Amino acid sequence: MEIEREAAINETRYAAFMDQHPAIQRELRAVQLLKNYNQAQVSLILRLSGQLSDKLSAQAKGQLPFLGVEVGETQLVLLPAIPGDYDGGGGNIKKLFTVSKAVSDVDPSTNQQKRYAWPVNPRSPLYRDVLTLLPKTPLKIGVVRTGKDKTDTRYSLREIGPA
């Protein structure tokens, strides 16, 4: 009982002290905001490092690095290979097509054109378009990306000719 009474008295003294010193209140709020910000940054870093380690372990297993398609048109060479499966997490399975960039992108160690794994959702119209072009490989194609976010990104293909 005595401990509870002392705790209540200390809380009252603390509240009275804080009412008299608004600068200290502001400092404590700023410290709490920084603490929350730091926790958010740490969780972001942990999530990104997990994604990076997944990519590095895939490359260590002999898988090709992923291709990132920029907004606008990217010219690629679709190579003759059976598309593999990739589980991107959350049950979102993608098909990996083997491509190389149409512009000179040579690996200095092997002096050969770099090859990439291009992940495509098998439920998308793009997947059906790529499958129709696969028998004509190696084939130079133009991939046009519109939109920047997951919700508004659309892809279209343009056949350029034999590689």
N, C-alpha and C. Protein backbone atom coordinates (compact mmCIF):
# COMPACT_ATOMS: atom_id res chain seq x y z
N MET A 1 0.81 -1.18 0.00
CA MET A 1 0.00 0.00 0.00
C MET A 1 0.86 1.25 0.00
N GLU A 2 1.92 1.22 0.81
CA GLU A 2 2.81 2.35 0.93
C GLU A 2 3.52 2.64 -0.40
N ILE A 3 3.89 1.59 -1.12
CA ILE A 3 4.59 1.75 -2.41
C ILE A 3 3.65 2.40 -3.44
N GLU A 4 2.40 1.98 -3.44
CA GLU A 4 1.43 2.55 -4.38
C GLU A 4 1.20 4.03 -4.09
N ARG A 5 1.15 4.39 -2.79
CA ARG A 5 0.94 5.79 -2.41
C ARG A 5 2.14 6.63 -2.83
N GLU A 6 3.35 6.11 -2.64
CA GLU A 6 4.55 6.83 -3.06
C GLU A 6 4.59 6.99 -4.58
N ALA A 7 4.17 5.96 -5.31
CA ALA A 7 4.15 6.03 -6.78
C ALA A 7 3.17 7.11 -7.23
N ALA A 8 2.01 7.19 -6.59
CA ALA A 8 1.02 8.21 -6.94
C ALA A 8 1.56 9.61 -6.64
N ILE A 9 2.24 9.75 -5.52
CA ILE A 9 2.83 11.06 -5.17
C ILE A 9 3.89 11.45 -6.20
N ASN A 10 4.73 10.49 -6.58
CA ASN A 10 5.79 10.78 -7.57
C ASN A 10 5.19 11.15 -8.93
N GLU A 11 4.12 10.47 -9.32
CA GLU A 11 3.46 10.83 -10.57
C GLU A 11 2.92 12.24 -10.51
N THR A 12 2.34 12.61 -9.40
CA THR A 12 1.81 13.96 -9.24
C THR A 12 2.93 14.99 -9.30
N ARG A 13 4.04 14.72 -8.60
CA ARG A 13 5.18 15.63 -8.64
C ARG A 13 5.74 15.76 -10.06
N TYR A 14 5.81 14.61 -10.77
CA TYR A 14 6.33 14.61 -12.15
C TYR A 14 5.43 15.46 -13.05
N ALA A 15 4.11 15.28 -12.93
CA ALA A 15 3.17 16.05 -13.76
C ALA A 15 3.29 17.54 -13.45
N ALA A 16 3.41 17.90 -12.17
CA ALA A 16 3.53 19.32 -11.80
C ALA A 16 4.83 19.90 -12.34
N PHE A 17 5.92 19.12 -12.26
CA PHE A 17 7.20 19.58 -12.78
C PHE A 17 7.13 19.80 -14.29
N MET A 18 6.50 18.84 -15.00
CA MET A 18 6.42 18.94 -16.46
C MET A 18 5.53 20.12 -16.88
N ASP A 19 4.49 20.41 -16.09
CA ASP A 19 3.64 21.56 -16.41
C ASP A 19 4.42 22.87 -16.29
N GLN A 20 5.36 22.91 -15.36
CA GLN A 20 6.14 24.13 -15.16
C GLN A 20 7.28 24.27 -16.18
N HIS A 21 7.64 23.19 -16.87
CA HIS A 21 8.76 23.21 -17.80
C HIS A 21 8.35 22.67 -19.18
N PRO A 22 7.68 23.50 -20.00
CA PRO A 22 7.24 23.03 -21.32
C PRO A 22 8.40 22.72 -22.27
N ALA A 23 9.55 23.30 -22.07
CA ALA A 23 10.71 23.01 -22.94
C ALA A 23 11.13 21.55 -22.77
N ILE A 24 11.09 21.08 -21.52
CA ILE A 24 11.44 19.68 -21.29
C ILE A 24 10.41 18.76 -21.94
N GLN A 25 9.13 19.14 -21.91
CA GLN A 25 8.09 18.35 -22.58
C GLN A 25 8.39 18.24 -24.07
N ARG A 26 8.75 19.38 -24.68
CA ARG A 26 9.06 19.36 -26.12
C ARG A 26 10.25 18.45 -26.41
N GLU A 27 11.26 18.52 -25.56
CA GLU A 27 12.46 17.67 -25.74
C GLU A 27 12.10 16.19 -25.63
N LEU A 28 11.28 15.85 -24.66
CA LEU A 28 10.88 14.45 -24.50
C LEU A 28 10.05 13.97 -25.69
N ARG A 29 9.16 14.83 -26.21
CA ARG A 29 8.39 14.46 -27.41
C ARG A 29 9.32 14.27 -28.60
N ALA A 30 10.33 15.14 -28.73
CA ALA A 30 11.29 15.01 -29.84
C ALA A 30 12.08 13.71 -29.72
N VAL A 31 12.47 13.36 -28.49
CA VAL A 31 13.20 12.11 -28.28
C VAL A 31 12.32 10.92 -28.66
N GLN A 32 11.04 10.97 -28.28
CA GLN A 32 10.13 9.87 -28.62
C GLN A 32 9.94 9.76 -30.13
N LEU A 33 9.81 10.91 -30.81
CA LEU A 33 9.68 10.89 -32.27
C LEU A 33 10.92 10.29 -32.93
N LEU A 34 12.10 10.67 -32.44
CA LEU A 34 13.33 10.10 -32.97
C LEU A 34 13.41 8.59 -32.73
N LYS A 35 12.98 8.17 -31.57
CA LYS A 35 12.98 6.75 -31.25
C LYS A 35 12.06 5.99 -32.21
N ASN A 36 10.86 6.52 -32.44
CA ASN A 36 9.93 5.88 -33.38
C ASN A 36 10.51 5.85 -34.80
N TYR A 37 11.12 6.96 -35.21
CA TYR A 37 11.73 7.03 -36.54
C TYR A 37 12.85 5.99 -36.67
N ASN A 38 13.70 5.90 -35.66
CA ASN A 38 14.80 4.94 -35.70
C ASN A 38 14.29 3.51 -35.76
N GLN A 39 13.23 3.20 -35.01
CA GLN A 39 12.67 1.86 -35.06
C GLN A 39 12.14 1.53 -36.46
N ALA A 40 11.50 2.51 -37.10
CA ALA A 40 10.99 2.30 -38.46
C ALA A 40 12.15 2.09 -39.44
N GLN A 41 13.22 2.85 -39.28
CA GLN A 41 14.37 2.71 -40.17
C GLN A 41 15.05 1.35 -39.97
N VAL A 42 15.17 0.91 -38.74
CA VAL A 42 15.79 -0.40 -38.47
C VAL A 42 14.96 -1.51 -39.10
N SER A 43 13.63 -1.45 -38.99
CA SER A 43 12.80 -2.49 -39.59
C SER A 43 12.90 -2.45 -41.11
N LEU A 44 13.00 -1.26 -41.70
CA LEU A 44 13.18 -1.15 -43.14
C LEU A 44 14.51 -1.75 -43.57
N ILE A 45 15.57 -1.45 -42.84
CA ILE A 45 16.89 -1.99 -43.17
C ILE A 45 16.89 -3.51 -43.06
N LEU A 46 16.25 -4.05 -42.03
CA LEU A 46 16.19 -5.50 -41.88
C LEU A 46 15.43 -6.15 -43.03
N ARG A 47 14.31 -5.51 -43.44
CA ARG A 47 13.53 -6.06 -44.55
C ARG A 47 14.34 -6.03 -45.85
N LEU A 48 15.00 -4.89 -46.13
CA LEU A 48 15.79 -4.77 -47.35
C LEU A 48 16.99 -5.71 -47.34
N SER A 49 17.63 -5.88 -46.19
CA SER A 49 18.77 -6.79 -46.14
C SER A 49 18.32 -8.23 -46.37
N GLY A 50 17.13 -8.57 -45.91
CA GLY A 50 16.58 -9.91 -46.18
C GLY A 50 16.34 -10.12 -47.66
N GLN A 51 15.81 -9.09 -48.34
CA GLN A 51 15.59 -9.20 -49.78
C GLN A 51 16.92 -9.32 -50.52
N LEU A 52 17.91 -8.55 -50.09
CA LEU A 52 19.22 -8.61 -50.73
C LEU A 52 19.86 -9.96 -50.53
N SER A 53 19.76 -10.52 -49.33
CA SER A 53 20.36 -11.83 -49.09
C SER A 53 19.65 -12.91 -49.91
N ASP A 54 18.32 -12.76 -50.13
CA ASP A 54 17.61 -13.70 -51.00
C ASP A 54 18.16 -13.65 -52.42
N LYS A 55 18.39 -12.44 -52.92
CA LYS A 55 18.92 -12.29 -54.28
C LYS A 55 20.34 -12.84 -54.37
N LEU A 56 21.17 -12.56 -53.36
CA LEU A 56 22.54 -13.04 -53.39
C LEU A 56 22.60 -14.56 -53.28
N SER A 57 21.71 -15.15 -52.47
CA SER A 57 21.72 -16.60 -52.36
C SER A 57 21.23 -17.24 -53.65
N ALA A 58 20.31 -16.59 -54.36
CA ALA A 58 19.86 -17.10 -55.65
C ALA A 58 21.00 -17.08 -56.66
N GLN A 59 21.80 -16.00 -56.65
CA GLN A 59 22.94 -15.93 -57.56
C GLN A 59 24.00 -16.95 -57.17
N ALA A 60 24.17 -17.20 -55.87
CA ALA A 60 25.15 -18.18 -55.42
C ALA A 60 24.76 -19.59 -55.85
N LYS A 61 23.45 -19.83 -56.00
CA LYS A 61 22.98 -21.13 -56.44
C LYS A 61 23.10 -21.29 -57.94
N GLY A 62 23.63 -20.29 -58.62
CA GLY A 62 23.79 -20.38 -60.07
C GLY A 62 22.65 -19.77 -60.85
N GLN A 63 21.69 -19.15 -60.16
CA GLN A 63 20.60 -18.51 -60.87
C GLN A 63 21.08 -17.17 -61.41
N LEU A 64 20.43 -16.74 -62.46
CA LEU A 64 20.79 -15.47 -63.09
C LEU A 64 20.29 -14.30 -62.26
N PRO A 65 20.95 -13.15 -62.36
CA PRO A 65 20.44 -11.95 -61.67
C PRO A 65 19.14 -11.49 -62.33
N PHE A 66 18.28 -10.86 -61.55
CA PHE A 66 17.00 -10.39 -62.08
C PHE A 66 17.19 -9.14 -62.93
N LEU A 67 16.34 -9.04 -63.93
CA LEU A 67 16.33 -7.87 -64.80
C LEU A 67 15.28 -6.89 -64.29
N GLY A 68 15.64 -5.64 -64.18
CA GLY A 68 14.69 -4.59 -63.84
C GLY A 68 14.38 -3.79 -65.09
N VAL A 69 13.10 -3.70 -65.43
CA VAL A 69 12.69 -2.97 -66.63
C VAL A 69 12.34 -1.55 -66.23
N GLU A 70 12.98 -0.58 -66.86
CA GLU A 70 12.76 0.84 -66.55
C GLU A 70 11.49 1.33 -67.26
N VAL A 71 10.98 2.48 -66.80
CA VAL A 71 9.85 3.11 -67.47
C VAL A 71 10.29 3.55 -68.85
N GLY A 72 9.47 3.31 -69.85
CA GLY A 72 9.83 3.58 -71.24
C GLY A 72 10.09 2.27 -71.95
N GLU A 73 10.83 2.33 -73.05
CA GLU A 73 11.11 1.11 -73.80
C GLU A 73 12.50 0.59 -73.49
N THR A 74 12.58 -0.71 -73.25
CA THR A 74 13.84 -1.41 -73.03
C THR A 74 13.96 -2.47 -74.10
N GLN A 75 15.07 -2.46 -74.82
CA GLN A 75 15.26 -3.46 -75.86
C GLN A 75 16.02 -4.65 -75.27
N LEU A 76 15.45 -5.83 -75.49
CA LEU A 76 16.00 -7.06 -74.95
C LEU A 76 16.13 -8.09 -76.06
N VAL A 77 16.93 -9.11 -75.78
CA VAL A 77 17.00 -10.28 -76.65
C VAL A 77 16.44 -11.44 -75.84
N LEU A 78 15.31 -11.98 -76.30
CA LEU A 78 14.69 -13.13 -75.66
C LEU A 78 15.44 -14.37 -76.11
N LEU A 79 15.96 -15.12 -75.15
CA LEU A 79 16.81 -16.28 -75.46
C LEU A 79 16.01 -17.57 -75.36
N PRO A 80 16.43 -18.60 -76.13
CA PRO A 80 15.69 -19.86 -76.13
C PRO A 80 15.99 -20.69 -74.88
N ALA A 81 15.12 -20.58 -73.91
CA ALA A 81 15.25 -21.36 -72.67
C ALA A 81 13.85 -21.55 -72.09
N ILE A 82 13.63 -22.70 -71.50
CA ILE A 82 12.35 -22.97 -70.85
C ILE A 82 12.26 -22.10 -69.60
N PRO A 83 11.16 -21.35 -69.43
CA PRO A 83 11.05 -20.48 -68.25
C PRO A 83 11.00 -21.29 -66.97
N GLY A 84 11.78 -20.84 -65.98
CA GLY A 84 11.78 -21.50 -64.67
C GLY A 84 10.80 -20.84 -63.73
N ASP A 85 10.60 -21.46 -62.58
CA ASP A 85 9.70 -20.93 -61.57
C ASP A 85 10.49 -20.19 -60.50
N TYR A 86 9.86 -19.16 -59.95
CA TYR A 86 10.45 -18.40 -58.85
C TYR A 86 9.34 -18.02 -57.90
N ASP A 87 9.51 -18.39 -56.63
CA ASP A 87 8.54 -18.02 -55.61
C ASP A 87 9.00 -16.74 -54.96
N GLY A 88 8.36 -15.64 -55.29
CA GLY A 88 8.74 -14.34 -54.77
C GLY A 88 8.27 -14.09 -53.36
N GLY A 89 7.67 -15.06 -52.72
CA GLY A 89 7.15 -14.88 -51.37
C GLY A 89 5.67 -14.59 -51.39
N GLY A 90 4.99 -15.05 -50.39
CA GLY A 90 3.55 -14.81 -50.30
C GLY A 90 2.76 -15.59 -51.32
N GLY A 91 3.33 -16.67 -51.86
CA GLY A 91 2.63 -17.47 -52.85
C GLY A 91 2.56 -16.83 -54.22
N ASN A 92 3.34 -15.79 -54.46
CA ASN A 92 3.33 -15.08 -55.74
C ASN A 92 4.41 -15.69 -56.65
N ILE A 93 4.05 -16.74 -57.35
CA ILE A 93 5.01 -17.45 -58.20
C ILE A 93 5.13 -16.74 -59.55
N LYS A 94 6.36 -16.56 -59.99
CA LYS A 94 6.65 -15.92 -61.28
C LYS A 94 7.36 -16.92 -62.17
N LYS A 95 7.30 -16.68 -63.47
CA LYS A 95 8.06 -17.45 -64.45
C LYS A 95 9.27 -16.60 -64.83
N LEU A 96 10.43 -17.24 -64.90
CA LEU A 96 11.67 -16.54 -65.22
C LEU A 96 12.08 -16.84 -66.66
N PHE A 97 12.03 -15.82 -67.50
CA PHE A 97 12.50 -15.93 -68.88
C PHE A 97 13.95 -15.48 -68.94
N THR A 98 14.74 -16.13 -69.77
CA THR A 98 16.15 -15.77 -69.92
C THR A 98 16.27 -14.74 -71.03
N VAL A 99 16.87 -13.60 -70.71
CA VAL A 99 17.04 -12.51 -71.67
C VAL A 99 18.43 -11.92 -71.52
N SER A 100 18.81 -11.14 -72.51
CA SER A 100 20.00 -10.30 -72.41
C SER A 100 19.61 -8.93 -72.95
N LYS A 101 20.36 -7.94 -72.58
CA LYS A 101 20.06 -6.59 -73.07
C LYS A 101 20.52 -6.49 -74.52
N ALA A 102 19.74 -5.78 -75.33
CA ALA A 102 20.07 -5.66 -76.75
C ALA A 102 21.31 -4.79 -76.96
N VAL A 103 21.50 -3.83 -76.08
CA VAL A 103 22.71 -3.01 -76.17
C VAL A 103 23.87 -3.79 -75.58
N SER A 104 25.06 -3.38 -75.88
CA SER A 104 26.24 -4.11 -75.43
C SER A 104 26.33 -4.10 -73.90
N ASP A 105 26.20 -5.26 -73.31
CA ASP A 105 26.30 -5.43 -71.87
C ASP A 105 27.14 -6.67 -71.63
N VAL A 106 28.46 -6.53 -71.82
CA VAL A 106 29.37 -7.66 -71.80
C VAL A 106 29.97 -7.82 -70.41
N ASP A 107 30.02 -9.07 -69.95
CA ASP A 107 30.66 -9.41 -68.68
C ASP A 107 32.16 -9.43 -68.91
N PRO A 108 32.93 -8.56 -68.23
CA PRO A 108 34.37 -8.48 -68.50
C PRO A 108 35.13 -9.77 -68.15
N SER A 109 34.63 -10.54 -67.19
CA SER A 109 35.37 -11.74 -66.79
C SER A 109 35.24 -12.86 -67.83
N THR A 110 34.09 -12.96 -68.50
CA THR A 110 33.89 -14.04 -69.48
C THR A 110 33.88 -13.52 -70.92
N ASN A 111 33.81 -12.21 -71.08
CA ASN A 111 33.75 -11.58 -72.40
C ASN A 111 32.53 -12.05 -73.19
N GLN A 112 31.44 -12.36 -72.48
CA GLN A 112 30.18 -12.77 -73.11
C GLN A 112 29.07 -11.82 -72.69
N GLN A 113 28.00 -11.84 -73.46
CA GLN A 113 26.83 -11.01 -73.16
C GLN A 113 26.23 -11.46 -71.83
N LYS A 114 25.92 -10.51 -70.93
CA LYS A 114 25.31 -10.85 -69.64
C LYS A 114 23.89 -11.34 -69.87
N ARG A 115 23.53 -12.37 -69.13
CA ARG A 115 22.17 -12.91 -69.20
C ARG A 115 21.45 -12.60 -67.90
N TYR A 116 20.13 -12.39 -68.01
CA TYR A 116 19.31 -12.03 -66.87
C TYR A 116 18.09 -12.93 -66.80
N ALA A 117 17.53 -13.05 -65.60
CA ALA A 117 16.24 -13.71 -65.40
C ALA A 117 15.18 -12.61 -65.34
N TRP A 118 14.21 -12.70 -66.24
CA TRP A 118 13.15 -11.70 -66.31
C TRP A 118 11.89 -12.30 -65.69
N PRO A 119 11.49 -11.87 -64.48
CA PRO A 119 10.31 -12.45 -63.84
C PRO A 119 9.02 -11.89 -64.42
N VAL A 120 8.12 -12.81 -64.79
CA VAL A 120 6.82 -12.42 -65.38
C VAL A 120 5.73 -13.22 -64.67
N ASN A 121 4.66 -12.54 -64.30
CA ASN A 121 3.53 -13.20 -63.66
C ASN A 121 2.80 -14.06 -64.69
N PRO A 122 2.62 -15.36 -64.42
CA PRO A 122 1.97 -16.23 -65.40
C PRO A 122 0.49 -15.94 -65.60
N ARG A 123 -0.11 -15.11 -64.75
CA ARG A 123 -1.52 -14.75 -64.93
C ARG A 123 -1.68 -13.43 -65.69
N SER A 124 -0.60 -12.90 -66.20
CA SER A 124 -0.68 -11.60 -66.88
C SER A 124 -0.73 -11.78 -68.40
N PRO A 125 -1.27 -10.80 -69.10
CA PRO A 125 -1.27 -10.85 -70.57
C PRO A 125 0.16 -10.83 -71.13
N LEU A 126 1.09 -10.20 -70.42
CA LEU A 126 2.48 -10.15 -70.86
C LEU A 126 3.06 -11.56 -70.97
N TYR A 127 2.70 -12.43 -70.03
CA TYR A 127 3.19 -13.80 -70.04
C TYR A 127 2.75 -14.52 -71.32
N ARG A 128 1.50 -14.35 -71.69
CA ARG A 128 0.99 -14.98 -72.91
C ARG A 128 1.70 -14.42 -74.14
N ASP A 129 1.96 -13.12 -74.15
CA ASP A 129 2.67 -12.51 -75.29
C ASP A 129 4.08 -13.05 -75.42
N VAL A 130 4.78 -13.19 -74.28
CA VAL A 130 6.15 -13.70 -74.31
C VAL A 130 6.17 -15.16 -74.76
N LEU A 131 5.18 -15.94 -74.31
CA LEU A 131 5.12 -17.34 -74.72
C LEU A 131 4.92 -17.49 -76.23
N THR A 132 4.15 -16.61 -76.84
CA THR A 132 3.95 -16.69 -78.29
C THR A 132 5.24 -16.36 -79.05
N LEU A 133 6.11 -15.55 -78.45
CA LEU A 133 7.37 -15.19 -79.11
C LEU A 133 8.49 -16.19 -78.83
N LEU A 134 8.35 -17.02 -77.82
CA LEU A 134 9.42 -17.94 -77.40
C LEU A 134 9.86 -18.90 -78.51
N PRO A 135 8.96 -19.44 -79.35
CA PRO A 135 9.43 -20.34 -80.42
C PRO A 135 10.31 -19.64 -81.47
N LYS A 136 10.25 -18.33 -81.56
CA LYS A 136 11.02 -17.58 -82.57
C LYS A 136 12.40 -17.17 -82.06
N THR A 137 12.77 -17.56 -80.85
CA THR A 137 14.00 -17.10 -80.23
C THR A 137 15.23 -17.67 -80.90
N PRO A 138 16.37 -17.01 -80.81
CA PRO A 138 16.62 -15.72 -80.16
C PRO A 138 16.00 -14.58 -80.97
N LEU A 139 15.33 -13.70 -80.26
CA LEU A 139 14.55 -12.65 -80.89
C LEU A 139 14.74 -11.34 -80.14
N LYS A 140 14.93 -10.28 -80.91
CA LYS A 140 15.06 -8.94 -80.32
C LYS A 140 13.65 -8.38 -80.13
N ILE A 141 13.36 -7.94 -78.88
CA ILE A 141 12.03 -7.40 -78.56
C ILE A 141 12.18 -6.06 -77.85
N GLY A 142 11.12 -5.28 -77.91
CA GLY A 142 11.04 -4.04 -77.15
C GLY A 142 9.97 -4.19 -76.08
N VAL A 143 10.33 -3.95 -74.85
CA VAL A 143 9.39 -4.03 -73.73
C VAL A 143 9.10 -2.60 -73.31
N VAL A 144 7.84 -2.21 -73.41
CA VAL A 144 7.43 -0.86 -73.05
C VAL A 144 6.74 -0.92 -71.70
N ARG A 145 7.30 -0.19 -70.74
CA ARG A 145 6.71 -0.12 -69.40
C ARG A 145 6.10 1.25 -69.21
N THR A 146 4.85 1.27 -68.77
CA THR A 146 4.18 2.52 -68.40
C THR A 146 3.78 2.41 -66.94
N GLY A 147 3.95 3.47 -66.19
CA GLY A 147 3.60 3.48 -64.78
C GLY A 147 4.80 3.15 -63.91
N LYS A 148 4.75 3.63 -62.67
CA LYS A 148 5.87 3.44 -61.75
C LYS A 148 5.52 2.57 -60.55
N ASP A 149 4.25 2.51 -60.17
CA ASP A 149 3.84 1.78 -58.97
C ASP A 149 3.29 0.41 -59.35
N LYS A 150 3.10 -0.42 -58.33
CA LYS A 150 2.52 -1.75 -58.57
C LYS A 150 1.13 -1.65 -59.16
N THR A 151 0.39 -0.63 -58.75
CA THR A 151 -1.01 -0.55 -59.17
C THR A 151 -1.19 -0.02 -60.58
N ASP A 152 -0.26 0.80 -61.08
CA ASP A 152 -0.49 1.41 -62.40
C ASP A 152 0.53 0.97 -63.45
N THR A 153 1.36 -0.03 -63.18
CA THR A 153 2.37 -0.46 -64.14
C THR A 153 1.75 -1.42 -65.16
N ARG A 154 2.00 -1.15 -66.43
CA ARG A 154 1.54 -2.01 -67.54
C ARG A 154 2.70 -2.23 -68.47
N TYR A 155 2.75 -3.41 -69.07
CA TYR A 155 3.80 -3.75 -70.02
C TYR A 155 3.18 -4.10 -71.37
N SER A 156 3.89 -3.77 -72.43
CA SER A 156 3.50 -4.22 -73.77
C SER A 156 4.78 -4.61 -74.51
N LEU A 157 4.64 -5.54 -75.46
CA LEU A 157 5.78 -6.05 -76.21
C LEU A 157 5.72 -5.59 -77.64
N ARG A 158 6.91 -5.43 -78.21
CA ARG A 158 7.03 -5.09 -79.62
C ARG A 158 8.14 -5.97 -80.19
N GLU A 159 7.80 -6.75 -81.21
CA GLU A 159 8.79 -7.61 -81.85
C GLU A 159 9.63 -6.76 -82.80
N ILE A 160 10.96 -6.80 -82.61
CA ILE A 160 11.85 -6.00 -83.45
C ILE A 160 12.41 -6.83 -84.58
N GLY A 161 12.83 -8.04 -84.28
CA GLY A 161 13.38 -8.91 -85.32
C GLY A 161 14.34 -9.92 -84.74
N PRO A 162 14.94 -10.73 -85.61
CA PRO A 162 15.89 -11.74 -85.11
C PRO A 162 17.12 -11.09 -84.48
N ALA A 163 17.65 -11.77 -83.49
CA ALA A 163 18.81 -11.22 -82.79
C ALA A 163 20.09 -11.48 -83.56
